[in-house]
Amino acid sequence: DNTAQVNTNTANIATNTSNIATNTAAIAALSSGAWTRIVNQSQAGGSANFNVTGLTSTKKFLMFTFAGKFGGADKLRLRFGTGGSIDTGNNYSWRTVKDGSGSTGGYPQDTIEIMVINSGNTNDFFLSGFMQLNAPSDGTGTADTRTGNLYTSQNDNNPHNILTSFEWRDSGTPITDIRFYAGGGNDISGTLCIYESED
């Protein structure tokens, strides 16, 4: 009886070992196409700009998550840059839909307007979204226009849900700088994470 039990246990161990190896391989395969966090940055205030600098990613997609607030009633804006500086030229366009009502900033604009009405001070906002860098499928070069979509929850006394589509007409690579900022000059604080695709 003991010999039979030992044989059964040995067989179970072999099966479990095989399952572990299979699962490990499956996890590795899934991870090869995953998103990699490249920015995890917090700011306690003291500036109207929330700057990310020194980026070197040449991947095709970026993903954003941003939980923040303003030091006073203000609106969230966004710009990008290459070569170590932010593009403040008229190279942007955007369309924002707030609670089903749309506003449009057709090309050319000098910024991307995410919020079209003020968010009250001390009220949180939560943003998530994606940006495609429009690189060709072989991974070389870039297109002239980069596009993205953002979803923002503006938690005021009357909360607002905001969808923003945007374009940035620039072909420089890589994107080195990203700036979320308060359009009215109030402090901005929070935590911003940025992820890049492996593809």
C-alpha atoms as a PDB file:
ATOM      1  CA  ASP A   1       0.000   0.000   0.000  1.00  0.00           C
ATOM      2  CA  ASN A   2       2.806   2.391   0.888  1.00  0.00           C
ATOM      3  CA  THR A   3       4.553   1.631  -2.386  1.00  0.00           C
ATOM      4  CA  ALA A   4       1.376   2.364  -4.326  1.00  0.00           C
ATOM      5  CA  GLN A   5       0.905   5.651  -2.455  1.00  0.00           C
ATOM      6  CA  VAL A   6       4.514   6.650  -3.133  1.00  0.00           C
ATOM      7  CA  ASN A   7       4.024   5.907  -6.830  1.00  0.00           C
ATOM      8  CA  THR A   8       0.828   7.980  -6.860  1.00  0.00           C
ATOM      9  CA  ASN A   9       2.548  10.897  -5.123  1.00  0.00           C
ATOM     10  CA  THR A  10       5.481  10.699  -7.539  1.00  0.00           C
ATOM     11  CA  ALA A  11       3.095  10.792 -10.477  1.00  0.00           C
ATOM     12  CA  ASN A  12       1.261  13.812  -8.983  1.00  0.00           C
ATOM     13  CA  ILE A  13       4.560  15.650  -8.458  1.00  0.00           C
ATOM     14  CA  ALA A  14       5.514  14.998 -12.069  1.00  0.00           C
ATOM     15  CA  THR A  15       2.126  16.276 -13.242  1.00  0.00           C
ATOM     16  CA  ASN A  16       2.365  19.393 -11.078  1.00  0.00           C
ATOM     17  CA  THR A  17       5.897  20.060 -12.299  1.00  0.00           C
ATOM     18  CA  SER A  18       4.698  19.758 -15.877  1.00  0.00           C
ATOM     19  CA  ASN A  19       1.784  22.131 -15.175  1.00  0.00           C
ATOM     20  CA  ILE A  20       4.108  24.684 -13.583  1.00  0.00           C
ATOM     21  CA  ALA A  21       6.373  24.556 -16.636  1.00  0.00           C
ATOM     22  CA  THR A  22       3.392  24.975 -18.966  1.00  0.00           C
ATOM     23  CA  ASN A  23       1.988  27.900 -16.978  1.00  0.00           C
ATOM     24  CA  THR A  24       5.377  29.573 -16.772  1.00  0.00           C
ATOM     25  CA  ALA A  25       5.736  29.348 -20.552  1.00  0.00           C
ATOM     26  CA  ALA A  26       2.238  30.743 -21.026  1.00  0.00           C
ATOM     27  CA  ILE A  27       2.923  33.672 -18.693  1.00  0.00           C
ATOM     28  CA  ALA A  28       6.174  34.412 -20.532  1.00  0.00           C
ATOM     29  CA  ALA A  29       4.331  34.396 -23.854  1.00  0.00           C
ATOM     30  CA  LEU A  30       1.704  36.812 -22.535  1.00  0.00           C
ATOM     31  CA  SER A  31       4.317  39.087 -21.001  1.00  0.00           C
ATOM     32  CA  SER A  32       6.167  39.443 -24.294  1.00  0.00           C
ATOM     33  CA  GLY A  33       3.327  41.582 -25.650  1.00  0.00           C
ATOM     34  CA  ALA A  34       2.595  43.485 -22.435  1.00  0.00           C
ATOM     35  CA  TRP A  35       2.697  47.157 -21.529  1.00  0.00           C
ATOM     36  CA  THR A  36       5.784  48.381 -19.684  1.00  0.00           C
ATOM     37  CA  ARG A  37       5.565  51.266 -17.232  1.00  0.00           C
ATOM     38  CA  ILE A  38       8.159  53.891 -18.107  1.00  0.00           C
ATOM     39  CA  VAL A  39       6.960  56.736 -15.849  1.00  0.00           C
ATOM     40  CA  ASN A  40       5.637  56.721 -12.274  1.00  0.00           C
ATOM     41  CA  GLN A  41       5.866  60.345 -11.170  1.00  0.00           C
ATOM     42  CA  SER A  42       4.221  62.282  -8.339  1.00  0.00           C
ATOM     43  CA  GLN A  43       4.078  66.004  -7.651  1.00  0.00           C
ATOM     44  CA  ALA A  44       2.797  67.709  -4.509  1.00  0.00           C
ATOM     45  CA  GLY A  45       2.132  71.085  -6.134  1.00  0.00           C
ATOM     46  CA  GLY A  46       4.274  74.183  -6.394  1.00  0.00           C
ATOM     47  CA  SER A  47       3.950  74.488 -10.169  1.00  0.00           C
ATOM     48  CA  ALA A  48       1.269  74.863 -12.829  1.00  0.00           C
ATOM     49  CA  ASN A  49       3.185  72.359 -14.986  1.00  0.00           C
ATOM     50  CA  PHE A  50       3.419  68.606 -14.492  1.00  0.00           C
ATOM     51  CA  ASN A  51       6.452  67.842 -16.647  1.00  0.00           C
ATOM     52  CA  VAL A  52       7.798  64.494 -17.785  1.00  0.00           C
ATOM     53  CA  THR A  53      11.262  64.783 -19.327  1.00  0.00           C
ATOM     54  CA  GLY A  54      13.995  62.547 -20.685  1.00  0.00           C
ATOM     55  CA  LEU A  55      11.750  60.035 -22.469  1.00  0.00           C
ATOM     56  CA  THR A  56      13.453  57.801 -25.032  1.00  0.00           C
ATOM     57  CA  SER A  57      10.699  55.384 -26.056  1.00  0.00           C
ATOM     58  CA  THR A  58      10.345  54.633 -29.762  1.00  0.00           C
ATOM     59  CA  LYS A  59       7.445  52.193 -29.328  1.00  0.00           C
ATOM     60  CA  LYS A  60       4.229  52.603 -31.299  1.00  0.00           C
ATOM     61  CA  PHE A  61       1.775  53.233 -28.439  1.00  0.00           C
ATOM     62  CA  LEU A  62       1.699  55.080 -25.118  1.00  0.00           C
ATOM     63  CA  MET A  63      -0.889  54.745 -22.343  1.00  0.00           C
ATOM     64  CA  PHE A  64      -1.564  57.307 -19.598  1.00  0.00           C
ATOM     65  CA  THR A  65      -3.120  57.258 -16.138  1.00  0.00           C
ATOM     66  CA  PHE A  66      -3.227  60.487 -14.121  1.00  0.00           C
ATOM     67  CA  ALA A  67      -4.931  61.160 -10.782  1.00  0.00           C
ATOM     68  CA  GLY A  68      -4.606  64.825  -9.822  1.00  0.00           C
ATOM     69  CA  LYS A  69      -6.071  68.065  -8.556  1.00  0.00           C
ATOM     70  CA  PHE A  70      -5.555  71.824  -8.877  1.00  0.00           C
ATOM     71  CA  GLY A  71      -4.720  74.411  -6.232  1.00  0.00           C
ATOM     72  CA  GLY A  72      -7.574  76.563  -7.555  1.00  0.00           C
ATOM     73  CA  ALA A  73     -10.365  76.443 -10.119  1.00  0.00           C
ATOM     74  CA  ASP A  74      -8.667  75.545 -13.403  1.00  0.00           C
ATOM     75  CA  LYS A  75      -8.684  73.522 -16.640  1.00  0.00           C
ATOM     76  CA  LEU A  76      -6.373  70.691 -17.678  1.00  0.00           C
ATOM     77  CA  ARG A  77      -4.212  71.149 -20.795  1.00  0.00           C
ATOM     78  CA  LEU A  78      -1.642  68.952 -22.569  1.00  0.00           C
ATOM     79  CA  ARG A  79       1.438  69.457 -24.762  1.00  0.00           C
ATOM     80  CA  PHE A  80       4.261  67.272 -26.085  1.00  0.00           C
ATOM     81  CA  GLY A  81       7.844  67.823 -27.150  1.00  0.00           C
ATOM     82  CA  THR A  82      10.918  66.394 -28.829  1.00  0.00           C
ATOM     83  CA  GLY A  83      14.600  67.209 -28.491  1.00  0.00           C
ATOM     84  CA  GLY A  84      14.226  68.140 -24.832  1.00  0.00           C
ATOM     85  CA  SER A  85      11.714  70.985 -25.241  1.00  0.00           C
ATOM     86  CA  ILE A  86       7.919  71.389 -25.205  1.00  0.00           C
ATOM     87  CA  ASP A  87       6.192  72.309 -28.471  1.00  0.00           C
ATOM     88  CA  THR A  88       4.188  75.496 -27.799  1.00  0.00           C
ATOM     89  CA  GLY A  89       3.524  76.190 -31.490  1.00  0.00           C
ATOM     90  CA  ASN A  90       0.263  75.925 -33.367  1.00  0.00           C
ATOM     91  CA  ASN A  91       0.667  72.207 -34.067  1.00  0.00           C
ATOM     92  CA  TYR A  92      -2.305  70.735 -32.195  1.00  0.00           C
ATOM     93  CA  SER A  93      -5.998  70.078 -32.705  1.00  0.00           C
ATOM     94  CA  TRP A  94      -8.560  68.580 -30.337  1.00  0.00           C
ATOM     95  CA  ARG A  95     -12.197  67.697 -29.830  1.00  0.00           C
ATOM     96  CA  THR A  96     -13.673  67.353 -26.344  1.00  0.00           C
ATOM     97  CA  VAL A  97     -17.113  65.963 -25.517  1.00  0.00           C
ATOM     98  CA  LYS A  98     -18.310  66.788 -21.984  1.00  0.00           C
ATOM     99  CA  ASP A  99     -21.484  65.100 -20.781  1.00  0.00           C
ATOM    100  CA  GLY A 100     -22.532  64.587 -24.399  1.00  0.00           C
ATOM    101  CA  SER A 101     -21.896  68.182 -25.526  1.00  0.00           C
ATOM    102  CA  GLY A 102     -18.920  68.825 -27.801  1.00  0.00           C
ATOM    103  CA  SER A 103     -16.305  71.551 -28.165  1.00  0.00           C
ATOM    104  CA  THR A 104     -13.726  71.640 -30.944  1.00  0.00           C
ATOM    105  CA  GLY A 105     -10.322  73.210 -31.305  1.00  0.00           C
ATOM    106  CA  GLY A 106      -9.595  72.719 -34.996  1.00  0.00           C
ATOM    107  CA  TYR A 107      -6.083  72.868 -36.388  1.00  0.00           C
ATOM    108  CA  PRO A 108      -4.034  74.935 -35.685  1.00  0.00           C
ATOM    109  CA  GLN A 109      -4.061  75.272 -31.893  1.00  0.00           C
ATOM    110  CA  ASP A 110      -1.167  75.821 -29.476  1.00  0.00           C
ATOM    111  CA  THR A 111      -2.415  73.276 -26.912  1.00  0.00           C
ATOM    112  CA  ILE A 112      -4.804  70.382 -26.303  1.00  0.00           C
ATOM    113  CA  GLU A 113      -7.771  71.393 -24.147  1.00  0.00           C
ATOM    114  CA  ILE A 114      -8.877  68.458 -22.015  1.00  0.00           C
ATOM    115  CA  MET A 115     -11.236  70.382 -19.718  1.00  0.00           C
ATOM    116  CA  VAL A 116     -13.487  73.057 -21.223  1.00  0.00           C
ATOM    117  CA  ILE A 117     -14.885  74.258 -17.882  1.00  0.00           C
ATOM    118  CA  ASN A 118     -13.035  74.862 -14.639  1.00  0.00           C
ATOM    119  CA  SER A 119     -12.511  72.083 -12.145  1.00  0.00           C
ATOM    120  CA  GLY A 120     -12.909  73.401  -8.613  1.00  0.00           C
ATOM    121  CA  ASN A 121      -9.911  73.545  -6.312  1.00  0.00           C
ATOM    122  CA  THR A 122      -9.373  70.477  -4.091  1.00  0.00           C
ATOM    123  CA  ASN A 123     -11.610  68.408  -6.421  1.00  0.00           C
ATOM    124  CA  ASP A 124      -9.908  65.354  -7.886  1.00  0.00           C
ATOM    125  CA  PHE A 125      -9.750  64.470 -11.549  1.00  0.00           C
ATOM    126  CA  PHE A 126      -8.897  61.079 -13.025  1.00  0.00           C
ATOM    127  CA  LEU A 127      -7.568  60.634 -16.547  1.00  0.00           C
ATOM    128  CA  SER A 128      -6.710  57.601 -18.643  1.00  0.00           C
ATOM    129  CA  GLY A 129      -6.067  57.112 -22.324  1.00  0.00           C
ATOM    130  CA  PHE A 130      -3.893  56.089 -25.228  1.00  0.00           C
ATOM    131  CA  MET A 131      -1.706  57.707 -27.839  1.00  0.00           C
ATOM    132  CA  GLN A 132      -0.551  56.161 -31.099  1.00  0.00           C
ATOM    133  CA  LEU A 133       2.734  57.374 -32.500  1.00  0.00           C
ATOM    134  CA  ASN A 134       1.755  56.296 -36.025  1.00  0.00           C
ATOM    135  CA  ALA A 135       5.009  54.473 -36.684  1.00  0.00           C
ATOM    136  CA  PRO A 136       4.906  52.154 -39.722  1.00  0.00           C
ATOM    137  CA  SER A 137       4.385  48.456 -39.025  1.00  0.00           C
ATOM    138  CA  ASP A 138       8.074  47.672 -39.562  1.00  0.00           C
ATOM    139  CA  GLY A 139       8.948  49.956 -36.639  1.00  0.00           C
ATOM    140  CA  THR A 140      11.021  52.472 -38.609  1.00  0.00           C
ATOM    141  CA  GLY A 141      10.351  56.176 -38.871  1.00  0.00           C
ATOM    142  CA  THR A 142       7.255  58.095 -37.797  1.00  0.00           C
ATOM    143  CA  ALA A 143       4.273  59.683 -39.477  1.00  0.00           C
ATOM    144  CA  ASP A 144       3.643  63.431 -39.503  1.00  0.00           C
ATOM    145  CA  THR A 145       0.677  63.237 -37.129  1.00  0.00           C
ATOM    146  CA  ARG A 146       0.302  61.601 -33.735  1.00  0.00           C
ATOM    147  CA  THR A 147      -3.166  61.006 -32.369  1.00  0.00           C
ATOM    148  CA  GLY A 148      -4.750  59.974 -29.102  1.00  0.00           C
ATOM    149  CA  ASN A 149      -7.885  59.616 -27.006  1.00  0.00           C
ATOM    150  CA  LEU A 150      -8.345  60.460 -23.336  1.00  0.00           C
ATOM    151  CA  TYR A 151     -11.134  59.843 -20.830  1.00  0.00           C
ATOM    152  CA  THR A 152     -11.353  62.200 -17.836  1.00  0.00           C
ATOM    153  CA  SER A 153     -13.637  62.157 -14.813  1.00  0.00           C
ATOM    154  CA  GLN A 154     -13.925  65.647 -13.328  1.00  0.00           C
ATOM    155  CA  ASN A 155     -15.157  65.201  -9.752  1.00  0.00           C
ATOM    156  CA  ASP A 156     -16.791  68.543  -8.963  1.00  0.00           C
ATOM    157  CA  ASN A 157     -20.045  69.202  -7.108  1.00  0.00           C
ATOM    158  CA  ASN A 158     -21.639  68.350 -10.444  1.00  0.00           C
ATOM    159  CA  PRO A 159     -19.280  65.639 -11.784  1.00  0.00           C
ATOM    160  CA  HIS A 160     -18.427  65.648 -15.484  1.00  0.00           C
ATOM    161  CA  ASN A 161     -17.325  62.881 -17.839  1.00  0.00           C
ATOM    162  CA  ILE A 162     -15.067  64.047 -20.649  1.00  0.00           C
ATOM    163  CA  LEU A 163     -13.810  62.390 -23.841  1.00  0.00           C
ATOM    164  CA  THR A 164     -10.961  64.081 -25.703  1.00  0.00           C
ATOM    165  CA  SER A 165      -9.513  63.222 -29.113  1.00  0.00           C
ATOM    166  CA  PHE A 166      -6.373  65.020 -30.190  1.00  0.00           C
ATOM    167  CA  GLU A 167      -3.712  65.393 -32.859  1.00  0.00           C
ATOM    168  CA  TRP A 168      -0.153  66.608 -32.605  1.00  0.00           C
ATOM    169  CA  ARG A 169       1.467  67.336 -35.942  1.00  0.00           C
ATOM    170  CA  ASP A 170       5.112  66.500 -35.395  1.00  0.00           C
ATOM    171  CA  SER A 171       7.385  63.834 -36.868  1.00  0.00           C
ATOM    172  CA  GLY A 172      10.365  64.131 -34.526  1.00  0.00           C
ATOM    173  CA  THR A 173      11.386  61.014 -32.639  1.00  0.00           C
ATOM    174  CA  PRO A 174      11.509  60.066 -29.894  1.00  0.00           C
ATOM    175  CA  ILE A 175       8.984  62.058 -27.873  1.00  0.00           C
ATOM    176  CA  THR A 176      11.149  63.345 -25.028  1.00  0.00           C
ATOM    177  CA  ASP A 177       8.728  65.558 -23.083  1.00  0.00           C
ATOM    178  CA  ILE A 178       5.081  65.485 -21.988  1.00  0.00           C
ATOM    179  CA  ARG A 179       3.417  68.319 -20.082  1.00  0.00           C
ATOM    180  CA  PHE A 180       0.030  68.224 -18.395  1.00  0.00           C
ATOM    181  CA  TYR A 181      -0.654  71.680 -17.011  1.00  0.00           C
ATOM    182  CA  ALA A 182      -3.186  74.024 -15.456  1.00  0.00           C
ATOM    183  CA  GLY A 183      -4.320  76.475 -18.138  1.00  0.00           C
ATOM    184  CA  GLY A 184      -5.085  79.191 -15.567  1.00  0.00           C
ATOM    185  CA  GLY A 185      -1.737  78.935 -13.793  1.00  0.00           C
ATOM    186  CA  ASN A 186      -2.807  77.245 -10.555  1.00  0.00           C
ATOM    187  CA  ASP A 187      -0.752  74.523  -8.897  1.00  0.00           C
ATOM    188  CA  ILE A 188      -1.255  71.004 -10.181  1.00  0.00           C
ATOM    189  CA  SER A 189      -0.539  67.912  -8.102  1.00  0.00           C
ATOM    190  CA  GLY A 190      -1.032  64.177  -8.400  1.00  0.00           C
ATOM    191  CA  THR A 191       0.503  60.992  -9.785  1.00  0.00           C
ATOM    192  CA  LEU A 192       1.076  60.286 -13.473  1.00  0.00           C
ATOM    193  CA  CYS A 193       1.965  56.893 -14.932  1.00  0.00           C
ATOM    194  CA  ILE A 194       2.919  56.283 -18.566  1.00  0.00           C
ATOM    195  CA  TYR A 195       3.258  52.913 -20.250  1.00  0.00           C
ATOM    196  CA  GLU A 196       4.710  51.912 -23.614  1.00  0.00           C
ATOM    197  CA  SER A 197       3.734  48.996 -25.817  1.00  0.00           C
ATOM    198  CA  GLU A 198       6.178  46.190 -26.544  1.00  0.00           C
ATOM    199  CA  ASP A 199       5.012  46.017 -30.153  1.00  0.00           C
END
